[in-house]
Amino acid sequence: MEARPNILIVDDEERFRVTMNKLLRVRGLEATMAGSGPEAIERLKQSPFDVVILDVRMPEMGGVHVLSELKKINPELEVIIMTGYASVDTAKEIMKLGAYDYMLKPYAIEELIEKIEAAFDRKTARKKLVGETAKKT
């Protein structure tokens, strides 16, 4: 059986989270949802995730701050940033903080699925490489 990514969707808009979750489920992917940055941080502390889909603009705690906190908890976490507001400065900052990719809303679900799978493949390959290196030492 093929390994599937454990996905966390973080967006303050419930309708967006629920719709994305349904679209992922139809394509064989399961996701957990969080409606805020603090909730996402708590979920990550409670369970491991492979890929996080994170909105940039959220009240209480913005996506850039959430990204920074998530990476402190799990530096290996792959994070795909979603935003409806293009900004070169924000894109540079999130990539510097270790985001996997940056996507503009609206997006094609197929493109998002490809990015999720590529991010999961990268995480899996990195984990395998670290395991092989540890065996050699």
N, C-alpha and C. Protein backbone atom coordinates (compact mmCIF):
# COMPACT_ATOMS: atom_id res chain seq x y z
N MET A 1 0.84 -1.19 0.00
CA MET A 1 0.00 0.00 0.00
C MET A 1 0.88 1.25 0.00
N GLU A 2 0.55 2.18 -0.85
CA GLU A 2 1.32 3.42 -0.98
C GLU A 2 1.06 4.35 0.20
N ALA A 3 2.14 4.92 0.74
CA ALA A 3 2.02 5.87 1.85
C ALA A 3 1.35 7.14 1.36
N ARG A 4 0.48 7.67 2.18
CA ARG A 4 -0.23 8.90 1.84
C ARG A 4 0.18 9.97 2.85
N PRO A 5 0.25 11.22 2.41
CA PRO A 5 0.64 12.29 3.34
C PRO A 5 -0.44 12.58 4.37
N ASN A 6 0.00 12.91 5.56
CA ASN A 6 -0.89 13.37 6.61
C ASN A 6 -0.93 14.89 6.48
N ILE A 7 -2.08 15.43 6.11
CA ILE A 7 -2.23 16.83 5.70
C ILE A 7 -3.00 17.63 6.75
N LEU A 8 -2.55 18.86 6.98
CA LEU A 8 -3.26 19.81 7.84
C LEU A 8 -3.61 21.03 7.00
N ILE A 9 -4.90 21.37 6.96
CA ILE A 9 -5.38 22.56 6.25
C ILE A 9 -5.61 23.65 7.30
N VAL A 10 -4.95 24.81 7.11
CA VAL A 10 -5.08 25.91 8.06
C VAL A 10 -5.60 27.15 7.32
N ASP A 11 -6.82 27.53 7.62
CA ASP A 11 -7.43 28.70 7.00
C ASP A 11 -8.54 29.19 7.92
N ASP A 12 -8.68 30.49 8.07
CA ASP A 12 -9.72 31.03 8.94
C ASP A 12 -11.10 30.95 8.31
N GLU A 13 -11.19 30.70 7.02
CA GLU A 13 -12.50 30.60 6.35
C GLU A 13 -12.96 29.14 6.36
N GLU A 14 -13.99 28.87 7.16
CA GLU A 14 -14.48 27.49 7.30
C GLU A 14 -14.91 26.91 5.96
N ARG A 15 -15.60 27.69 5.16
CA ARG A 15 -16.08 27.19 3.87
C ARG A 15 -14.91 26.73 2.99
N PHE A 16 -13.82 27.50 3.00
CA PHE A 16 -12.64 27.14 2.22
C PHE A 16 -12.05 25.82 2.73
N ARG A 17 -11.90 25.69 4.06
CA ARG A 17 -11.33 24.47 4.66
C ARG A 17 -12.17 23.25 4.30
N VAL A 18 -13.47 23.36 4.48
CA VAL A 18 -14.36 22.22 4.25
C VAL A 18 -14.35 21.83 2.77
N THR A 19 -14.41 22.82 1.89
CA THR A 19 -14.39 22.54 0.46
C THR A 19 -13.08 21.87 0.05
N MET A 20 -11.96 22.41 0.53
CA MET A 20 -10.67 21.82 0.19
C MET A 20 -10.58 20.39 0.72
N ASN A 21 -11.06 20.18 1.93
CA ASN A 21 -11.03 18.85 2.51
C ASN A 21 -11.83 17.86 1.65
N LYS A 22 -13.00 18.28 1.19
CA LYS A 22 -13.82 17.42 0.32
C LYS A 22 -13.11 17.12 -0.99
N LEU A 23 -12.50 18.15 -1.59
CA LEU A 23 -11.78 17.96 -2.86
C LEU A 23 -10.60 17.00 -2.69
N LEU A 24 -9.91 17.09 -1.58
CA LEU A 24 -8.80 16.18 -1.31
C LEU A 24 -9.30 14.76 -1.08
N ARG A 25 -10.39 14.63 -0.32
CA ARG A 25 -10.94 13.31 -0.02
C ARG A 25 -11.37 12.59 -1.30
N VAL A 26 -12.00 13.31 -2.22
CA VAL A 26 -12.42 12.73 -3.50
C VAL A 26 -11.21 12.15 -4.25
N ARG A 27 -10.05 12.74 -4.02
CA ARG A 27 -8.82 12.28 -4.69
C ARG A 27 -7.98 11.33 -3.81
N GLY A 28 -8.61 10.82 -2.77
CA GLY A 28 -7.96 9.80 -1.95
C GLY A 28 -7.04 10.32 -0.87
N LEU A 29 -7.13 11.60 -0.56
CA LEU A 29 -6.28 12.19 0.48
C LEU A 29 -7.14 12.60 1.67
N GLU A 30 -6.63 12.36 2.86
CA GLU A 30 -7.33 12.76 4.08
C GLU A 30 -6.62 13.96 4.69
N ALA A 31 -7.39 14.84 5.31
CA ALA A 31 -6.80 16.03 5.92
C ALA A 31 -7.49 16.34 7.24
N THR A 32 -6.75 17.00 8.11
CA THR A 32 -7.27 17.55 9.35
C THR A 32 -7.37 19.05 9.12
N MET A 33 -8.30 19.69 9.81
CA MET A 33 -8.49 21.12 9.59
C MET A 33 -8.24 21.92 10.87
N ALA A 34 -7.73 23.14 10.69
CA ALA A 34 -7.55 24.09 11.79
C ALA A 34 -8.01 25.45 11.29
N GLY A 35 -8.73 26.18 12.14
CA GLY A 35 -9.29 27.47 11.75
C GLY A 35 -8.46 28.67 12.13
N SER A 36 -7.30 28.42 12.78
CA SER A 36 -6.45 29.54 13.18
C SER A 36 -5.02 29.05 13.36
N GLY A 37 -4.11 30.02 13.46
CA GLY A 37 -2.72 29.68 13.70
C GLY A 37 -2.51 28.95 15.01
N PRO A 38 -3.03 29.48 16.13
CA PRO A 38 -2.86 28.78 17.40
C PRO A 38 -3.42 27.36 17.39
N GLU A 39 -4.56 27.17 16.72
CA GLU A 39 -5.14 25.83 16.62
C GLU A 39 -4.21 24.91 15.81
N ALA A 40 -3.62 25.42 14.73
CA ALA A 40 -2.69 24.62 13.92
C ALA A 40 -1.47 24.21 14.75
N ILE A 41 -0.96 25.13 15.54
CA ILE A 41 0.21 24.84 16.38
C ILE A 41 -0.13 23.74 17.38
N GLU A 42 -1.31 23.82 18.00
CA GLU A 42 -1.73 22.79 18.96
C GLU A 42 -1.91 21.44 18.27
N ARG A 43 -2.50 21.44 17.08
CA ARG A 43 -2.69 20.18 16.35
C ARG A 43 -1.34 19.54 16.02
N LEU A 44 -0.37 20.36 15.62
CA LEU A 44 0.95 19.83 15.28
C LEU A 44 1.65 19.27 16.52
N LYS A 45 1.42 19.88 17.66
CA LYS A 45 2.00 19.37 18.91
C LYS A 45 1.39 18.02 19.28
N GLN A 46 0.13 17.80 18.88
CA GLN A 46 -0.59 16.57 19.24
C GLN A 46 -0.38 15.43 18.24
N SER A 47 -0.18 15.74 16.97
CA SER A 47 -0.02 14.71 15.94
C SER A 47 0.98 15.14 14.90
N PRO A 48 1.64 14.15 14.31
CA PRO A 48 2.59 14.50 13.25
C PRO A 48 1.85 14.74 11.92
N PHE A 49 2.30 15.74 11.19
CA PHE A 49 1.77 16.00 9.86
C PHE A 49 2.95 16.04 8.90
N ASP A 50 2.67 15.69 7.65
CA ASP A 50 3.70 15.73 6.61
C ASP A 50 3.66 17.04 5.84
N VAL A 51 2.43 17.46 5.50
CA VAL A 51 2.24 18.65 4.67
C VAL A 51 1.16 19.53 5.29
N VAL A 52 1.45 20.82 5.36
CA VAL A 52 0.47 21.80 5.85
C VAL A 52 0.12 22.74 4.69
N ILE A 53 -1.16 22.97 4.51
CA ILE A 53 -1.64 23.97 3.54
C ILE A 53 -2.08 25.14 4.40
N LEU A 54 -1.40 26.27 4.25
CA LEU A 54 -1.53 27.38 5.19
C LEU A 54 -1.88 28.68 4.49
N ASP A 55 -2.94 29.32 4.96
CA ASP A 55 -3.33 30.63 4.44
C ASP A 55 -2.42 31.71 5.04
N VAL A 56 -2.11 32.73 4.26
CA VAL A 56 -1.24 33.81 4.74
C VAL A 56 -2.01 34.78 5.63
N ARG A 57 -3.17 35.22 5.17
CA ARG A 57 -3.91 36.25 5.89
C ARG A 57 -4.97 35.63 6.78
N MET A 58 -4.70 35.69 8.08
CA MET A 58 -5.65 35.20 9.07
C MET A 58 -5.62 36.16 10.25
N PRO A 59 -6.76 36.35 10.90
CA PRO A 59 -6.76 37.20 12.09
C PRO A 59 -6.04 36.48 13.23
N GLU A 60 -5.68 37.20 14.23
CA GLU A 60 -5.04 36.68 15.44
C GLU A 60 -3.56 36.36 15.20
N MET A 61 -3.25 35.52 14.23
CA MET A 61 -1.87 35.14 13.96
C MET A 61 -1.74 34.88 12.45
N GLY A 62 -0.98 35.71 11.77
CA GLY A 62 -0.83 35.58 10.32
C GLY A 62 -0.04 34.34 9.92
N GLY A 63 -0.19 33.95 8.67
CA GLY A 63 0.45 32.74 8.16
C GLY A 63 1.96 32.73 8.25
N VAL A 64 2.60 33.88 8.07
CA VAL A 64 4.07 33.92 8.14
C VAL A 64 4.52 33.57 9.56
N HIS A 65 3.84 34.12 10.56
CA HIS A 65 4.16 33.81 11.96
C HIS A 65 3.86 32.34 12.26
N VAL A 66 2.73 31.85 11.76
CA VAL A 66 2.37 30.44 11.96
C VAL A 66 3.44 29.54 11.35
N LEU A 67 3.87 29.85 10.13
CA LEU A 67 4.91 29.07 9.46
C LEU A 67 6.15 28.99 10.34
N SER A 68 6.58 30.12 10.86
CA SER A 68 7.76 30.17 11.71
C SER A 68 7.60 29.28 12.94
N GLU A 69 6.45 29.33 13.57
CA GLU A 69 6.19 28.51 14.78
C GLU A 69 6.11 27.03 14.43
N LEU A 70 5.46 26.69 13.32
CA LEU A 70 5.35 25.28 12.91
C LEU A 70 6.73 24.68 12.64
N LYS A 71 7.59 25.47 11.98
CA LYS A 71 8.93 24.99 11.66
C LYS A 71 9.78 24.82 12.92
N LYS A 72 9.52 25.61 13.96
CA LYS A 72 10.22 25.43 15.23
C LYS A 72 9.85 24.08 15.86
N ILE A 73 8.59 23.71 15.72
CA ILE A 73 8.11 22.44 16.28
C ILE A 73 8.60 21.26 15.45
N ASN A 74 8.51 21.39 14.12
CA ASN A 74 8.93 20.31 13.23
C ASN A 74 9.60 20.90 11.99
N PRO A 75 10.93 21.02 12.01
CA PRO A 75 11.64 21.61 10.87
C PRO A 75 11.49 20.83 9.56
N GLU A 76 11.13 19.54 9.66
CA GLU A 76 10.97 18.70 8.47
C GLU A 76 9.61 18.86 7.80
N LEU A 77 8.72 19.57 8.43
CA LEU A 77 7.37 19.78 7.92
C LEU A 77 7.40 20.53 6.60
N GLU A 78 6.63 20.06 5.63
CA GLU A 78 6.52 20.76 4.34
C GLU A 78 5.27 21.63 4.39
N VAL A 79 5.42 22.91 4.06
CA VAL A 79 4.31 23.85 4.15
C VAL A 79 4.09 24.51 2.79
N ILE A 80 2.84 24.43 2.33
CA ILE A 80 2.43 25.09 1.09
C ILE A 80 1.58 26.29 1.51
N ILE A 81 2.04 27.47 1.15
CA ILE A 81 1.35 28.71 1.51
C ILE A 81 0.33 29.05 0.42
N MET A 82 -0.88 29.40 0.86
CA MET A 82 -1.95 29.80 -0.05
C MET A 82 -2.32 31.25 0.26
N THR A 83 -2.48 32.04 -0.78
CA THR A 83 -2.90 33.42 -0.54
C THR A 83 -3.67 33.96 -1.74
N GLY A 84 -4.55 34.87 -1.45
CA GLY A 84 -5.28 35.57 -2.51
C GLY A 84 -4.62 36.90 -2.82
N TYR A 85 -3.51 37.19 -2.12
CA TYR A 85 -2.85 38.48 -2.26
C TYR A 85 -1.38 38.28 -2.60
N ALA A 86 -1.04 38.50 -3.84
CA ALA A 86 0.35 38.31 -4.28
C ALA A 86 1.25 39.40 -3.71
N SER A 87 2.39 38.99 -3.18
CA SER A 87 3.36 39.94 -2.65
C SER A 87 4.75 39.31 -2.77
N VAL A 88 5.63 39.97 -3.48
CA VAL A 88 6.99 39.45 -3.65
C VAL A 88 7.69 39.39 -2.30
N ASP A 89 7.51 40.42 -1.47
CA ASP A 89 8.16 40.44 -0.15
C ASP A 89 7.70 39.28 0.72
N THR A 90 6.39 39.02 0.73
CA THR A 90 5.86 37.90 1.51
C THR A 90 6.39 36.58 0.96
N ALA A 91 6.39 36.43 -0.35
CA ALA A 91 6.90 35.20 -0.97
C ALA A 91 8.35 34.96 -0.57
N LYS A 92 9.17 35.99 -0.61
CA LYS A 92 10.58 35.86 -0.22
C LYS A 92 10.70 35.44 1.24
N GLU A 93 9.90 36.07 2.09
CA GLU A 93 9.97 35.79 3.52
C GLU A 93 9.57 34.34 3.83
N ILE A 94 8.48 33.88 3.23
CA ILE A 94 8.03 32.52 3.54
C ILE A 94 9.00 31.47 2.99
N MET A 95 9.61 31.75 1.86
CA MET A 95 10.58 30.79 1.32
C MET A 95 11.83 30.76 2.22
N LYS A 96 12.22 31.92 2.73
CA LYS A 96 13.37 32.00 3.64
C LYS A 96 13.07 31.23 4.94
N LEU A 97 11.82 31.23 5.36
CA LEU A 97 11.42 30.51 6.58
C LEU A 97 11.27 29.01 6.35
N GLY A 98 11.37 28.58 5.10
CA GLY A 98 11.35 27.14 4.83
C GLY A 98 10.06 26.59 4.25
N ALA A 99 9.20 27.45 3.71
CA ALA A 99 7.99 26.94 3.05
C ALA A 99 8.39 26.13 1.82
N TYR A 100 7.60 25.14 1.50
CA TYR A 100 7.86 24.33 0.32
C TYR A 100 7.49 25.10 -0.96
N ASP A 101 6.32 25.75 -0.93
CA ASP A 101 5.87 26.48 -2.12
C ASP A 101 4.83 27.52 -1.73
N TYR A 102 4.49 28.34 -2.70
CA TYR A 102 3.60 29.49 -2.54
C TYR A 102 2.61 29.44 -3.69
N MET A 103 1.30 29.41 -3.39
CA MET A 103 0.28 29.36 -4.44
C MET A 103 -0.71 30.48 -4.27
N LEU A 104 -1.16 31.01 -5.39
CA LEU A 104 -2.18 32.05 -5.36
C LEU A 104 -3.57 31.43 -5.48
N LYS A 105 -4.52 31.98 -4.70
CA LYS A 105 -5.92 31.59 -4.82
C LYS A 105 -6.53 32.46 -5.91
N PRO A 106 -7.40 32.01 -6.72
CA PRO A 106 -7.83 30.62 -6.83
C PRO A 106 -6.77 29.78 -7.52
N TYR A 107 -6.83 28.51 -7.31
CA TYR A 107 -5.85 27.58 -7.86
C TYR A 107 -6.60 26.38 -8.43
N ALA A 108 -5.93 25.62 -9.27
CA ALA A 108 -6.51 24.38 -9.80
C ALA A 108 -6.22 23.28 -8.79
N ILE A 109 -7.22 22.51 -8.42
CA ILE A 109 -7.03 21.46 -7.42
C ILE A 109 -5.96 20.46 -7.87
N GLU A 110 -5.88 20.22 -9.17
CA GLU A 110 -4.86 19.29 -9.67
C GLU A 110 -3.45 19.81 -9.39
N GLU A 111 -3.28 21.13 -9.52
CA GLU A 111 -1.98 21.73 -9.23
C GLU A 111 -1.65 21.60 -7.74
N LEU A 112 -2.65 21.81 -6.89
CA LEU A 112 -2.43 21.65 -5.45
C LEU A 112 -2.08 20.20 -5.11
N ILE A 113 -2.78 19.26 -5.69
CA ILE A 113 -2.50 17.83 -5.45
C ILE A 113 -1.06 17.51 -5.85
N GLU A 114 -0.64 18.01 -7.01
CA GLU A 114 0.74 17.78 -7.47
C GLU A 114 1.74 18.35 -6.47
N LYS A 115 1.47 19.53 -5.94
CA LYS A 115 2.38 20.16 -4.97
C LYS A 115 2.40 19.38 -3.65
N ILE A 116 1.24 18.91 -3.21
CA ILE A 116 1.17 18.11 -1.99
C ILE A 116 1.99 16.83 -2.17
N GLU A 117 1.80 16.15 -3.28
CA GLU A 117 2.53 14.91 -3.54
C GLU A 117 4.03 15.15 -3.66
N ALA A 118 4.42 16.23 -4.33
CA ALA A 118 5.84 16.55 -4.47
C ALA A 118 6.45 16.90 -3.11
N ALA A 119 5.72 17.64 -2.29
CA ALA A 119 6.21 17.99 -0.95
C ALA A 119 6.36 16.74 -0.10
N PHE A 120 5.39 15.84 -0.17
CA PHE A 120 5.45 14.59 0.58
C PHE A 120 6.61 13.72 0.09
N ASP A 121 6.81 13.66 -1.22
CA ASP A 121 7.93 12.89 -1.79
C ASP A 121 9.26 13.45 -1.28
N ARG A 122 9.38 14.77 -1.24
CA ARG A 122 10.61 15.39 -0.76
C ARG A 122 10.86 15.04 0.71
N LYS A 123 9.80 15.12 1.52
CA LYS A 123 9.93 14.79 2.94
C LYS A 123 10.31 13.32 3.11
N THR A 124 9.67 12.44 2.37
CA THR A 124 9.95 11.01 2.45
C THR A 124 11.38 10.70 2.02
N ALA A 125 11.83 11.33 0.93
CA ALA A 125 13.20 11.12 0.44
C ALA A 125 14.22 11.61 1.45
N ARG A 126 13.96 12.75 2.07
CA ARG A 126 14.87 13.31 3.06
C ARG A 126 14.95 12.38 4.28
N LYS A 127 13.80 11.86 4.70
CA LYS A 127 13.75 10.96 5.85
C LYS A 127 14.53 9.67 5.54
N LYS A 128 14.36 9.15 4.33
CA LYS A 128 15.06 7.94 3.91
C LYS A 128 16.58 8.19 3.88
N LEU A 129 16.98 9.34 3.36
CA LEU A 129 18.39 9.69 3.28
C LEU A 129 19.01 9.79 4.67
N VAL A 130 18.29 10.42 5.59
CA VAL A 130 18.77 10.55 6.96
C VAL A 130 18.90 9.17 7.61
N GLY A 131 17.94 8.28 7.34
CA GLY A 131 17.99 6.93 7.87
C GLY A 131 19.16 6.14 7.34
N GLU A 132 19.43 6.28 6.04
CA GLU A 132 20.58 5.59 5.42
C GLU A 132 21.90 6.12 5.96
N THR A 133 21.97 7.41 6.15
CA THR A 133 23.19 8.03 6.69
C THR A 133 23.43 7.54 8.12
N ALA A 134 22.36 7.43 8.90
CA ALA A 134 22.49 6.97 10.28
C ALA A 134 22.97 5.52 10.34
N LYS A 135 22.54 4.69 9.39
CA LYS A 135 22.96 3.28 9.35
C LYS A 135 24.45 3.15 9.06
N LYS A 136 25.00 4.06 8.27
CA LYS A 136 26.41 4.02 7.89
C LYS A 136 27.33 4.43 9.03
N THR A 137 26.80 5.18 10.00
CA THR A 137 27.65 5.67 11.09
C THR A 137 27.60 4.77 12.30
